[in-house]
Amino acid sequence: MSTKLVKVSLDQTGDLNERSYNAEWLIELTTPTGPVGVWDHSRVHGPDKVPFWKGVEYKQHVHGVLQSDFSAYWRGATYEPVDDSFTIWTAKGSWKTMKRGETPEDNTSDPLRRRTKYHWEFENVTEPAEDGYCMGYLPSIGRGVAPLDQTGDLALVGEQTKGPIVNSTGVEFDTPLMIEKRRAILVMQKNFPDELYPLNLVNAYDNTLNSSVYRGFPMDHAKFVGVEATQLQEENKVKFITVTVRILLSREPLYRRPVNRGFSYLMAKKHGEETLVCRIPALDAETLQPYSEPVLLSAAGGLVGGPADVFIPGQPAGPDLNDPENPPSVEDFGCAIGSVPGQSAGQVGNVIPYRLEERADYTELLW
């Protein structure tokens, strides 16, 4: 039994940094053998053994001269019988230089030892803008830009910094301006031997946020958003599946933020020694009918930026929410009711953050 190197050739592209060494071996056996037996024989018996693992660099004696290239790594070989006796085989393999960013692990013939591959994807989302630069002239609130003189030059009014998006009275618009943002998704791809591994990932991480720091992102800033898996594959007698996982990474906590509004509000009134809190429907003062659109609410359940004369017929009206001379107080309502005139919140800032997902330890996702 013997394995003998019979040919080596160098393939070089136009880029001097990309080289490929192709080699061919002749393998002679005493008994008929299949591909697995030939592979096992060729890596053990000489005089010229066929490389079989990732760390082998190119080094061969060609025409009596030792040639070596320590930046070219073994990529694997294929085996074919020469005739029907299955005692004489050829092995053809190659060494190739690594591309930028590659490591020897990328070139291993064992698919389960290859390193994780990463890339980024980005998705567009549209959400209400929270602040912006006022480029108009709003002297009533000291914001924006105005003509300096008849030359048309512009002068800043106040500091030209980001601030709430408001009208000339300082109140946010009923319909918020929308802004498009990009969200980054980290895509990881790795080979695994277990066909049930993707199912285990779904069971452990579906609808979850990270419970601790993950790749530098604080708790609740990373979300498992999907997994894909190939069918069972086989390469160099190794069976495996390729699993792709996507993790959404955000600069802000991944909470839902519904606007705090509704068709009723809470009013607290003192009754003797007791304080009664009632849920009161918000009625139009002219028609005494419920509003067709929900009204904004404070964190305590009171009205924010709503009409001043909302009341229940037959009962004393509550304090005037928009009366600057008599702003509502704890004594009036029995509880804090939120914003006062000049600070009324709009649909952008007046939201309630909710976390809908459970938290999970993402340590296993550090591939």
Protein backbone atom coordinates (compact mmCIF):
# COMPACT_ATOMS: atom_id res chain seq x y z
CA MET A 1 0.00 0.00 0.00
CA SER A 2 1.35 3.43 -0.88
CA THR A 3 0.34 7.03 -1.48
CA LYS A 4 2.48 8.93 -3.93
CA LEU A 5 2.36 12.57 -5.02
CA VAL A 6 2.39 12.60 -8.82
CA LYS A 7 1.63 16.24 -9.75
CA VAL A 8 1.57 19.73 -8.28
CA SER A 9 0.58 22.89 -10.13
CA LEU A 10 0.29 26.54 -9.13
CA ASP A 11 -2.71 28.58 -10.23
CA GLN A 12 -2.19 32.30 -9.76
CA THR A 13 -4.78 34.95 -10.54
CA GLY A 14 -4.09 38.55 -11.46
CA ASP A 15 -3.90 39.36 -7.74
CA LEU A 16 -0.49 38.27 -6.42
CA ASN A 17 -2.09 37.76 -2.99
CA GLU A 18 -4.41 35.01 -4.26
CA ARG A 19 -2.67 31.72 -4.97
CA SER A 20 -3.94 28.18 -5.33
CA TYR A 21 -1.78 25.04 -5.29
CA ASN A 22 -3.46 22.03 -6.86
CA ALA A 23 -2.02 18.58 -6.19
CA GLU A 24 -2.77 15.04 -7.32
CA TRP A 25 -1.85 11.80 -5.56
CA LEU A 26 -1.85 8.22 -6.80
CA ILE A 27 -2.99 5.76 -4.15
CA GLU A 28 -2.33 2.03 -4.57
CA LEU A 29 -4.06 -0.54 -2.34
CA THR A 30 -3.73 -4.31 -1.97
CA THR A 31 -7.47 -4.91 -1.56
CA PRO A 32 -10.52 -3.14 -2.98
CA THR A 33 -11.55 -0.23 -0.76
CA GLY A 34 -14.24 2.45 -0.77
CA PRO A 35 -13.79 6.23 -0.47
CA VAL A 36 -13.72 6.24 3.35
CA GLY A 37 -11.02 3.56 3.46
CA VAL A 38 -9.01 5.36 0.80
CA TRP A 39 -9.21 8.63 2.71
CA ASP A 40 -8.10 6.90 5.93
CA HIS A 41 -5.24 5.16 4.10
CA SER A 42 -4.01 8.27 2.30
CA ARG A 43 -3.55 10.28 5.49
CA VAL A 44 -1.52 7.52 7.18
CA HIS A 45 0.58 5.73 4.55
CA GLY A 46 3.27 7.44 2.48
CA PRO A 47 5.64 8.22 1.11
CA ASP A 48 3.48 11.29 0.37
CA LYS A 49 0.50 11.65 2.69
CA VAL A 50 -2.62 13.59 1.80
CA PRO A 51 -3.31 16.41 4.30
CA PHE A 52 -6.53 16.02 6.24
CA TRP A 53 -6.87 18.90 8.72
CA LYS A 54 -7.18 22.69 8.67
CA GLY A 55 -3.72 23.61 9.96
CA VAL A 56 -1.68 22.17 7.09
CA GLU A 57 0.20 24.85 5.18
CA TYR A 58 1.52 24.29 1.68
CA LYS A 59 4.91 22.56 1.75
CA GLN A 60 6.01 20.09 -0.95
CA HIS A 61 9.17 18.78 -2.63
CA VAL A 62 8.81 19.47 -6.32
CA HIS A 63 11.65 18.43 -8.65
CA GLY A 64 13.92 17.96 -5.67
CA VAL A 65 13.30 21.48 -4.33
CA LEU A 66 11.28 22.20 -1.19
CA GLN A 67 8.52 24.69 -1.97
CA SER A 68 6.45 26.25 0.78
CA ASP A 69 3.81 28.96 1.18
CA PHE A 70 2.80 29.47 4.78
CA SER A 71 -0.14 31.72 3.90
CA ALA A 72 -1.84 28.97 1.84
CA TYR A 73 -3.95 26.48 3.78
CA TRP A 74 -5.35 23.08 2.90
CA ARG A 75 -8.91 23.14 1.56
CA GLY A 76 -9.66 19.43 1.17
CA ALA A 77 -9.50 16.65 -1.44
CA THR A 78 -11.75 14.46 -3.59
CA TYR A 79 -11.12 10.76 -4.26
CA GLU A 80 -11.91 8.82 -7.44
CA PRO A 81 -11.13 5.22 -8.49
CA VAL A 82 -8.93 4.76 -11.56
CA ASP A 83 -10.61 1.52 -12.64
CA ASP A 84 -13.18 -1.05 -11.57
CA SER A 85 -10.74 -2.88 -9.31
CA PHE A 86 -11.09 -0.13 -6.67
CA THR A 87 -7.45 -0.73 -5.71
CA ILE A 88 -6.00 2.29 -7.49
CA TRP A 89 -7.36 5.72 -6.69
CA THR A 90 -6.49 9.32 -7.33
CA ALA A 91 -6.82 12.14 -4.79
CA LYS A 92 -7.07 15.73 -5.95
CA GLY A 93 -6.81 18.56 -3.48
CA SER A 94 -5.67 22.14 -3.11
CA TRP A 95 -4.18 24.74 -0.84
CA LYS A 96 -5.41 28.32 -1.17
CA THR A 97 -4.35 31.61 0.33
CA MET A 98 -6.76 33.22 2.74
CA LYS A 99 -8.88 36.18 1.78
CA ARG A 100 -8.98 39.32 3.88
CA GLY A 101 -10.74 38.55 7.14
CA GLU A 102 -10.41 34.77 6.82
CA THR A 103 -8.72 32.51 9.34
CA PRO A 104 -7.46 28.93 9.05
CA GLU A 105 -10.69 27.80 10.73
CA ASP A 106 -12.60 28.94 7.63
CA ASN A 107 -10.65 26.48 5.51
CA THR A 108 -11.07 23.38 7.62
CA SER A 109 -12.57 20.32 5.96
CA ASP A 110 -14.65 19.70 9.10
CA PRO A 111 -17.81 21.85 8.71
CA LEU A 112 -18.48 21.72 12.46
CA ARG A 113 -15.16 23.43 13.22
CA ARG A 114 -15.71 26.40 10.96
CA ARG A 115 -16.13 29.71 12.70
CA THR A 116 -19.34 31.72 12.87
CA LYS A 117 -20.03 34.08 9.98
CA TYR A 118 -21.49 37.51 10.70
CA HIS A 119 -23.09 40.23 8.64
CA TRP A 120 -25.51 43.12 9.17
CA GLU A 121 -28.99 43.74 7.90
CA PHE A 122 -31.01 46.93 8.37
CA GLU A 123 -34.75 47.45 8.47
CA ASN A 124 -36.63 50.73 8.14
CA VAL A 125 -39.22 51.72 10.74
CA THR A 126 -41.39 54.84 10.91
CA GLU A 127 -42.21 56.42 14.25
CA PRO A 128 -43.21 59.83 15.67
CA ALA A 129 -40.36 62.33 15.82
CA GLU A 130 -39.68 63.45 19.39
CA ASP A 131 -37.76 66.66 18.67
CA GLY A 132 -36.33 68.75 15.87
CA TYR A 133 -34.82 72.08 14.79
CA CYS A 134 -37.35 74.87 14.28
CA MET A 135 -36.50 76.64 11.02
CA GLY A 136 -39.52 78.98 11.10
CA TYR A 137 -40.00 82.14 13.13
CA LEU A 138 -41.93 81.64 16.39
CA PRO A 139 -41.35 84.80 18.47
CA SER A 140 -44.12 83.88 20.91
CA ILE A 141 -42.04 81.02 22.27
CA GLY A 142 -38.57 82.31 21.36
CA ARG A 143 -37.64 79.65 18.82
CA GLY A 144 -36.62 79.47 15.21
CA VAL A 145 -34.94 81.85 12.79
CA ALA A 146 -36.04 85.31 11.61
CA PRO A 147 -34.87 87.87 9.01
CA LEU A 148 -32.13 90.05 10.46
CA ASP A 149 -32.74 92.97 8.12
CA GLN A 150 -33.82 93.76 4.60
CA THR A 151 -30.77 91.99 3.19
CA GLY A 152 -32.49 88.71 3.93
CA ASP A 153 -29.82 87.45 6.28
CA LEU A 154 -31.07 85.18 9.05
CA ALA A 155 -30.64 85.58 12.75
CA LEU A 156 -31.12 82.93 15.39
CA VAL A 157 -33.89 83.40 17.92
CA GLY A 158 -32.79 81.73 21.10
CA GLU A 159 -30.46 78.74 20.92
CA GLN A 160 -30.69 76.76 17.70
CA THR A 161 -30.88 73.41 19.41
CA LYS A 162 -33.27 70.51 19.16
CA GLY A 163 -36.52 70.91 21.01
CA PRO A 164 -40.13 69.72 21.05
CA ILE A 165 -42.04 69.96 17.76
CA VAL A 166 -44.72 72.48 18.67
CA ASN A 167 -46.94 75.17 17.20
CA SER A 168 -46.67 78.91 17.93
CA THR A 169 -48.35 78.44 21.32
CA GLY A 170 -45.86 75.81 22.42
CA VAL A 171 -48.30 72.91 22.10
CA GLU A 172 -47.45 69.79 20.13
CA PHE A 173 -49.36 69.15 16.93
CA ASP A 174 -52.37 66.82 17.05
CA THR A 175 -50.82 64.68 14.30
CA PRO A 176 -47.13 64.10 15.07
CA LEU A 177 -44.47 64.35 12.41
CA MET A 178 -43.06 60.96 11.46
CA ILE A 179 -39.40 60.08 11.02
CA GLU A 180 -37.82 57.05 9.36
CA LYS A 181 -35.14 55.20 11.30
CA ARG A 182 -32.89 52.27 10.55
CA ARG A 183 -32.67 49.37 12.98
CA ALA A 184 -29.60 47.11 12.92
CA ILE A 185 -29.97 43.32 12.85
CA LEU A 186 -26.96 41.13 13.56
CA VAL A 187 -27.06 37.96 11.43
CA MET A 188 -25.04 34.96 12.66
CA GLN A 189 -24.53 31.72 10.74
CA LYS A 190 -22.94 28.56 12.10
CA ASN A 191 -22.99 24.80 11.52
CA PHE A 192 -24.41 22.42 14.15
CA PRO A 193 -24.77 18.62 14.29
CA ASP A 194 -28.16 18.62 16.05
CA GLU A 195 -31.21 18.90 13.80
CA LEU A 196 -33.33 19.94 16.81
CA TYR A 197 -31.09 22.85 17.74
CA PRO A 198 -33.20 25.47 15.87
CA LEU A 199 -36.32 24.25 17.68
CA ASN A 200 -34.53 24.60 21.00
CA LEU A 201 -33.58 28.17 20.09
CA VAL A 202 -37.19 29.07 19.31
CA ASN A 203 -38.42 27.52 22.57
CA ALA A 204 -35.81 29.41 24.59
CA TYR A 205 -35.71 32.83 22.91
CA ASP A 206 -38.88 33.49 20.91
CA ASN A 207 -40.55 36.73 22.11
CA THR A 208 -37.74 37.58 24.52
CA LEU A 209 -35.38 40.46 25.27
CA ASN A 210 -31.89 40.19 26.69
CA SER A 211 -31.84 39.98 30.48
CA SER A 212 -28.26 41.26 30.78
CA VAL A 213 -25.64 43.01 28.67
CA TYR A 214 -25.36 41.38 25.23
CA ARG A 215 -22.48 42.41 22.97
CA GLY A 216 -22.33 45.76 24.74
CA PHE A 217 -26.09 46.45 24.60
CA PRO A 218 -27.86 46.88 27.97
CA MET A 219 -30.83 44.85 29.18
CA ASP A 220 -33.93 45.09 26.95
CA HIS A 221 -31.92 46.44 23.99
CA ALA A 222 -31.50 43.13 22.10
CA LYS A 223 -34.26 40.92 20.70
CA PHE A 224 -34.20 37.47 19.12
CA VAL A 225 -36.13 38.02 15.88
CA GLY A 226 -35.73 34.82 13.90
CA VAL A 227 -33.95 31.58 13.10
CA GLU A 228 -33.56 29.59 9.91
CA ALA A 229 -31.99 26.19 9.28
CA THR A 230 -31.01 24.21 6.22
CA GLN A 231 -31.77 20.56 5.61
CA LEU A 232 -29.31 17.99 6.88
CA GLN A 233 -26.12 18.18 4.82
CA GLU A 234 -23.03 16.02 4.55
CA GLU A 235 -19.51 17.14 3.78
CA ASN A 236 -16.35 15.06 4.18
CA LYS A 237 -18.44 12.39 5.91
CA VAL A 238 -19.68 14.89 8.51
CA LYS A 239 -23.42 15.54 8.82
CA PHE A 240 -24.59 18.99 9.86
CA ILE A 241 -27.16 21.74 9.45
CA THR A 242 -26.44 25.43 8.92
CA VAL A 243 -28.33 27.65 11.38
CA THR A 244 -28.91 31.38 10.83
CA VAL A 245 -30.02 33.55 13.75
CA ARG A 246 -31.04 37.22 13.67
CA ILE A 247 -30.71 39.52 16.68
CA LEU A 248 -32.19 43.03 16.65
CA LEU A 249 -29.90 45.52 18.43
CA SER A 250 -31.32 48.89 19.48
CA ARG A 251 -29.96 52.07 21.05
CA GLU A 252 -33.23 52.44 22.94
CA PRO A 253 -35.18 49.92 25.06
CA LEU A 254 -37.38 47.74 22.87
CA TYR A 255 -40.68 48.72 24.48
CA ARG A 256 -44.07 49.47 22.94
CA ARG A 257 -45.17 53.07 23.52
CA PRO A 258 -48.92 53.57 23.10
CA VAL A 259 -50.20 57.12 23.46
CA ASN A 260 -51.80 57.69 26.86
CA ARG A 261 -55.32 58.66 25.80
CA GLY A 262 -58.87 57.41 26.11
CA PHE A 263 -62.57 58.32 26.20
CA SER A 264 -62.75 58.73 29.98
CA TYR A 265 -60.59 60.19 32.73
CA LEU A 266 -60.29 60.02 36.51
CA MET A 267 -61.57 62.75 38.81
CA ALA A 268 -60.93 62.65 42.53
CA LYS A 269 -63.12 64.71 44.87
CA LYS A 270 -63.24 65.04 48.60
CA HIS A 271 -66.43 63.82 50.24
CA GLY A 272 -66.20 64.53 53.94
CA GLU A 273 -63.17 62.70 55.22
CA GLU A 274 -63.02 60.45 52.17
CA THR A 275 -61.56 60.98 48.71
CA LEU A 276 -63.55 59.39 45.94
CA VAL A 277 -61.98 58.65 42.56
CA CYS A 278 -64.40 58.18 39.68
CA ARG A 279 -63.92 57.25 36.05
CA ILE A 280 -65.75 59.96 34.12
CA PRO A 281 -66.57 59.92 30.39
CA ALA A 282 -65.13 62.82 28.46
CA LEU A 283 -68.10 64.70 27.00
CA ASP A 284 -68.28 67.52 24.51
CA ALA A 285 -69.61 70.56 26.46
CA GLU A 286 -71.81 71.66 23.55
CA THR A 287 -73.39 68.35 22.54
CA LEU A 288 -73.00 66.47 25.83
CA GLN A 289 -71.90 63.53 23.67
CA PRO A 290 -68.65 61.54 23.99
CA TYR A 291 -65.81 62.86 21.90
CA SER A 292 -65.27 61.10 18.58
CA GLU A 293 -61.53 60.92 19.28
CA PRO A 294 -59.84 59.95 22.53
CA VAL A 295 -58.50 62.71 24.77
CA LEU A 296 -54.96 62.83 26.14
CA LEU A 297 -54.46 61.67 29.73
CA SER A 298 -51.85 62.25 32.39
CA ALA A 299 -50.01 59.51 34.21
CA ALA A 300 -52.46 59.93 37.11
CA GLY A 301 -55.46 59.51 34.80
CA GLY A 302 -56.45 63.17 34.61
CA LEU A 303 -56.98 65.25 31.48
CA VAL A 304 -53.96 66.69 29.70
CA GLY A 305 -54.42 69.38 27.10
CA GLY A 306 -58.14 68.64 26.93
CA PRO A 307 -61.11 71.04 26.83
CA ALA A 308 -61.59 73.17 29.92
CA ASP A 309 -65.31 72.51 30.35
CA VAL A 310 -65.53 68.74 30.36
CA PHE A 311 -68.07 67.75 33.00
CA ILE A 312 -70.86 65.37 33.94
CA PRO A 313 -74.35 66.89 33.73
CA GLY A 314 -75.90 67.37 37.15
CA GLN A 315 -72.57 67.30 38.96
CA PRO A 316 -70.20 70.13 39.78
CA ALA A 317 -67.60 70.64 37.08
CA GLY A 318 -64.02 69.92 37.95
CA PRO A 319 -61.31 72.59 38.06
CA ASP A 320 -60.52 74.43 34.84
CA LEU A 321 -57.46 72.62 33.53
CA ASN A 322 -56.49 75.55 31.34
CA ASP A 323 -56.99 78.34 33.85
CA PRO A 324 -53.51 79.84 34.48
CA GLU A 325 -54.80 81.75 37.50
CA ASN A 326 -56.07 78.63 39.29
CA PRO A 327 -54.15 75.57 38.17
CA PRO A 328 -55.48 72.24 39.45
CA SER A 329 -54.01 70.98 42.67
CA VAL A 330 -53.96 67.95 44.90
CA GLU A 331 -56.62 69.60 47.07
CA ASP A 332 -58.93 69.98 44.06
CA PHE A 333 -58.61 66.45 42.79
CA GLY A 334 -57.30 64.50 45.74
CA CYS A 335 -54.35 63.38 43.59
CA ALA A 336 -51.81 64.79 41.17
CA ILE A 337 -53.26 65.20 37.69
CA GLY A 338 -50.15 65.79 35.63
CA SER A 339 -49.35 68.71 33.34
CA VAL A 340 -50.40 72.28 33.92
CA PRO A 341 -50.83 75.01 31.26
CA GLY A 342 -47.67 75.55 29.23
CA GLN A 343 -46.56 71.97 29.86
CA SER A 344 -49.34 70.02 28.20
CA ALA A 345 -48.04 66.89 26.51
CA GLY A 346 -48.87 65.80 22.98
CA GLN A 347 -48.98 62.40 21.34
CA VAL A 348 -45.20 62.17 21.11
CA GLY A 349 -44.15 62.59 24.72
CA ASN A 350 -47.36 61.43 26.38
CA VAL A 351 -46.81 57.68 26.02
CA ILE A 352 -46.74 54.69 28.35
CA PRO A 353 -43.84 52.26 27.78
CA TYR A 354 -44.78 48.57 27.93
CA ARG A 355 -42.53 45.54 27.76
CA LEU A 356 -44.43 42.67 26.13
CA GLU A 357 -41.61 40.13 25.97
CA GLU A 358 -40.11 37.99 28.69
CA ARG A 359 -36.41 38.36 29.48
CA ALA A 360 -33.90 35.61 28.72
CA ASP A 361 -30.20 35.01 29.16
CA TYR A 362 -28.60 35.46 25.72
CA THR A 363 -25.25 33.93 26.71
CA GLU A 364 -25.85 30.91 24.46
CA LEU A 365 -26.25 33.29 21.50
CA LEU A 366 -22.62 34.48 21.80
CA TRP A 367 -21.48 32.30 18.90
